N, C-alpha and C. Protein backbone atom coordinates (compact mmCIF):
# COMPACT_ATOMS: atom_id res chain seq x y z
N UNK A 1 0.98 -1.18 -0.07
CA UNK A 1 -0.04 0.09 0.01
C UNK A 1 0.83 1.07 0.06
N UNK A 2 0.64 2.20 -1.16
CA UNK A 2 1.54 3.16 -1.16
C UNK A 2 0.78 4.43 -0.54
N UNK A 3 1.61 5.38 -0.03
CA UNK A 3 1.05 6.67 0.46
C UNK A 3 0.78 7.62 -0.78
N UNK A 4 -0.55 7.88 -1.07
CA UNK A 4 -1.04 8.73 -2.01
C UNK A 4 -1.01 10.20 -1.75
N UNK A 5 -0.14 10.94 -2.25
CA UNK A 5 -0.11 12.41 -1.72
C UNK A 5 -0.60 13.25 -2.99
N UNK A 6 -1.34 12.74 -3.91
CA UNK A 6 -1.83 13.54 -5.09
C UNK A 6 -2.84 14.63 -4.55
N UNK A 7 -3.46 14.52 -3.43
CA UNK A 7 -4.26 15.61 -2.88
C UNK A 7 -3.55 16.80 -2.77
N UNK A 8 -2.15 16.88 -2.66
CA UNK A 8 -1.50 18.26 -2.23
C UNK A 8 -1.35 18.89 -3.65
N UNK A 9 -1.47 18.22 -4.70
CA UNK A 9 -1.41 18.99 -5.94
C UNK A 9 -0.13 19.43 -6.45
N UNK A 10 0.75 19.70 -5.76
CA UNK A 10 2.03 20.22 -6.10
C UNK A 10 3.08 20.20 -4.86
N UNK A 11 4.24 20.72 -4.90
CA UNK A 11 5.14 21.06 -3.83
C UNK A 11 4.53 22.13 -3.09
N UNK A 12 3.78 23.12 -3.78
CA UNK A 12 3.15 24.12 -2.94
C UNK A 12 2.24 23.68 -1.93
N UNK A 13 1.58 22.60 -2.21
CA UNK A 13 0.59 21.98 -1.15
C UNK A 13 1.47 21.33 -0.09
N UNK A 14 2.45 20.66 -0.44
CA UNK A 14 3.43 19.98 0.65
C UNK A 14 3.85 21.23 1.65
N UNK A 15 4.22 22.37 0.99
CA UNK A 15 4.81 23.40 1.81
C UNK A 15 3.80 24.02 2.80
N UNK A 16 2.44 24.06 2.37
CA UNK A 16 1.44 24.42 3.12
C UNK A 16 1.23 23.44 4.33
N UNK A 17 1.19 22.26 4.03
CA UNK A 17 1.02 21.18 5.11
C UNK A 17 2.25 21.27 6.14
N UNK A 18 3.46 21.53 5.63
CA UNK A 18 4.64 21.81 6.30
C UNK A 18 4.62 22.95 7.48
N UNK A 19 4.14 24.07 6.72
CA UNK A 19 3.79 25.38 7.56
C UNK A 19 2.66 25.12 8.67
N UNK A 20 1.78 24.60 8.04
CA UNK A 20 0.52 24.26 9.19
C UNK A 20 1.04 23.48 10.27
N UNK A 21 1.72 22.24 10.02
CA UNK A 21 2.54 21.48 11.13
C UNK A 21 3.39 22.24 11.96
N UNK A 22 4.05 23.12 11.41
CA UNK A 22 5.02 24.05 12.29
C UNK A 22 4.33 24.78 13.05
N UNK A 23 3.11 25.55 12.59
CA UNK A 23 2.41 26.53 13.40
C UNK A 23 1.79 25.65 14.53
N UNK A 24 1.24 24.59 14.16
CA UNK A 24 0.52 23.75 15.25
C UNK A 24 1.64 23.31 16.53
N UNK A 25 2.63 22.90 16.07
CA UNK A 25 3.71 22.52 17.03
C UNK A 25 3.88 23.82 17.96
N UNK A 26 4.13 24.94 17.32
CA UNK A 26 4.62 26.14 18.14
C UNK A 26 3.33 26.35 19.06
N UNK A 27 1.92 26.49 18.49
CA UNK A 27 0.92 26.80 19.37
C UNK A 27 0.72 25.59 20.39
N UNK A 28 0.60 24.30 20.10
CA UNK A 28 0.37 23.40 21.01
C UNK A 28 1.40 22.87 22.17
N UNK A 29 2.71 23.21 21.78
CA UNK A 29 3.95 23.17 22.75
C UNK A 29 4.07 24.36 23.66
N UNK A 30 3.39 25.24 23.29
CA UNK A 30 3.43 26.61 24.08
C UNK A 30 4.73 27.42 23.97
N UNK A 31 5.27 27.15 22.71
CA UNK A 31 6.68 27.81 22.47
C UNK A 31 6.16 29.37 21.75
N UNK A 32 7.05 30.31 22.44
CA UNK A 32 6.82 31.55 21.99
C UNK A 32 7.94 32.06 21.16
N UNK A 33 8.08 31.77 19.88
CA UNK A 33 9.11 32.14 18.83
C UNK A 33 9.24 33.67 18.90
N UNK A 34 8.56 34.67 19.23
CA UNK A 34 8.90 35.97 19.31
C UNK A 34 9.19 36.35 20.42
N UNK A 35 9.26 35.76 21.63
CA UNK A 35 9.48 36.21 22.91
C UNK A 35 10.89 35.68 23.33
N UNK A 36 11.01 35.74 24.74
CA UNK A 36 12.24 34.96 25.15
C UNK A 36 12.11 33.54 25.43
N UNK A 37 13.06 32.81 24.95
CA UNK A 37 12.89 31.65 25.06
C UNK A 37 13.32 31.18 26.46
N UNK A 38 12.99 30.08 27.33
CA UNK A 38 13.36 29.76 28.57
C UNK A 38 12.90 30.71 29.74
N UNK A 39 12.23 31.71 29.46
CA UNK A 39 11.94 32.78 30.63
C UNK A 39 10.86 32.31 31.20
N UNK A 40 10.50 32.57 32.58
CA UNK A 40 9.62 32.22 33.33
C UNK A 40 8.56 33.39 33.54
N UNK A 41 7.40 33.46 33.65
CA UNK A 41 6.56 34.61 33.82
C UNK A 41 6.69 35.08 35.23
N UNK A 42 6.63 36.35 35.54
CA UNK A 42 6.58 36.91 36.68
C UNK A 42 5.29 36.83 37.41
N UNK A 43 5.30 36.61 38.73
CA UNK A 43 4.19 36.72 39.38
C UNK A 43 3.75 38.20 39.39
N UNK A 44 2.51 38.37 40.04
CA UNK A 44 1.80 39.83 40.01
C UNK A 44 2.67 40.40 41.09
N UNK A 45 3.04 39.70 42.05
CA UNK A 45 3.75 40.39 43.23
C UNK A 45 5.21 40.87 42.57
N UNK A 46 5.81 39.92 42.20
CA UNK A 46 7.15 40.34 41.54
C UNK A 46 7.16 41.53 40.61
N UNK A 47 6.04 41.43 39.74
CA UNK A 47 5.93 42.65 38.97
C UNK A 47 5.69 43.83 39.53
N UNK A 48 4.98 44.00 40.73
CA UNK A 48 4.66 44.97 41.43
C UNK A 48 6.07 45.48 42.16
N UNK A 49 6.61 44.51 42.75
CA UNK A 49 7.96 44.82 43.40
C UNK A 49 8.88 45.52 42.21
N UNK A 50 9.00 44.95 40.87
CA UNK A 50 9.87 45.60 39.79
C UNK A 50 9.42 46.96 39.76
N UNK A 51 8.08 47.19 39.66
CA UNK A 51 7.55 48.70 39.29
C UNK A 51 7.99 49.74 40.35
N UNK A 52 8.07 49.08 41.58
CA UNK A 52 8.31 50.02 42.74
C UNK A 52 9.67 50.22 42.56
N UNK A 53 10.67 49.41 42.37
CA UNK A 53 12.00 49.60 42.27
C UNK A 53 12.39 50.41 41.19
N UNK A 54 11.68 50.44 40.11
CA UNK A 54 12.01 51.18 38.98
C UNK A 54 11.51 52.56 39.11
N UNK A 55 10.67 52.84 40.13
CA UNK A 55 10.05 54.26 40.34
C UNK A 55 8.78 54.34 39.46
N UNK A 56 8.15 53.36 39.04
CA UNK A 56 7.11 53.60 38.22
C UNK A 56 5.96 53.71 39.15
N UNK A 57 5.70 53.17 40.28
CA UNK A 57 4.70 53.38 41.39
C UNK A 57 5.31 53.72 42.67
N UNK A 58 4.48 54.35 43.64
CA UNK A 58 4.87 54.92 44.72
C UNK A 58 4.68 53.75 45.67
N UNK A 59 5.52 53.95 46.77
CA UNK A 59 5.40 53.01 47.98
C UNK A 59 3.99 52.83 48.36
N UNK A 60 3.14 54.01 48.50
CA UNK A 60 1.80 53.65 48.92
C UNK A 60 1.01 53.00 47.95
N UNK A 61 1.04 53.01 46.70
CA UNK A 61 0.40 52.62 45.58
C UNK A 61 0.79 51.16 45.54
N UNK A 62 2.19 50.81 45.93
CA UNK A 62 2.56 49.50 45.77
C UNK A 62 1.94 48.56 46.95
N UNK A 63 1.80 49.35 48.19
CA UNK A 63 1.24 48.60 49.36
C UNK A 63 -0.19 48.45 49.31
N UNK A 64 -0.94 49.36 48.47
CA UNK A 64 -2.38 49.23 48.09
C UNK A 64 -2.66 48.15 47.28
N UNK A 65 -1.93 47.94 46.36
CA UNK A 65 -2.10 47.05 45.29
C UNK A 65 -1.70 45.62 45.79
N UNK A 66 -0.72 45.67 46.61
CA UNK A 66 -0.25 44.33 47.09
C UNK A 66 -1.38 43.99 48.13
N UNK A 67 -1.93 44.60 48.92
CA UNK A 67 -3.17 44.56 49.87
C UNK A 67 -4.32 43.70 49.03
N UNK A 68 -4.52 44.41 47.72
CA UNK A 68 -5.67 43.94 46.76
C UNK A 68 -5.39 42.51 46.45
N UNK A 69 -4.10 42.18 46.28
CA UNK A 69 -3.69 40.89 46.19
C UNK A 69 -3.57 39.68 47.03
N UNK A 70 -3.58 40.49 48.19
CA UNK A 70 -3.92 39.61 49.55
C UNK A 70 -2.47 39.31 50.24
N UNK A 71 -1.43 39.85 49.78
CA UNK A 71 0.08 39.80 50.43
C UNK A 71 0.30 40.95 51.19
N UNK A 72 1.35 40.61 52.30
CA UNK A 72 2.02 41.59 52.93
C UNK A 72 3.04 42.16 52.03
N UNK A 73 3.39 43.47 52.31
CA UNK A 73 4.42 44.13 51.81
C UNK A 73 5.74 43.67 52.08
N UNK A 74 6.62 43.48 51.07
CA UNK A 74 8.05 43.01 51.38
C UNK A 74 8.95 44.26 51.60
N UNK A 75 9.93 44.16 52.41
CA UNK A 75 10.91 45.04 52.46
C UNK A 75 11.79 45.09 51.17
N UNK A 76 12.07 46.40 50.73
CA UNK A 76 13.05 46.40 49.61
C UNK A 76 14.36 46.09 50.10
N UNK A 77 15.02 45.52 48.94
CA UNK A 77 16.52 44.88 49.09
C UNK A 77 17.51 46.12 49.17
């Protein structure tokens, strides 16, 4: 029994199948080809602390937002 690939029509059809398979692989394995590979996502608390250290938010705003998340404020390093 031979594998019949006539439904592809030409090599252009084979390329479509190839790129659809690559896109499926990227989507289903959760790889982010345009982002940082191997990086982990920050938690909300880590992001708030980063914003406080960078001066994007005030200490009071940091504490208020952290209370909304249900955590106690951490001491800055």
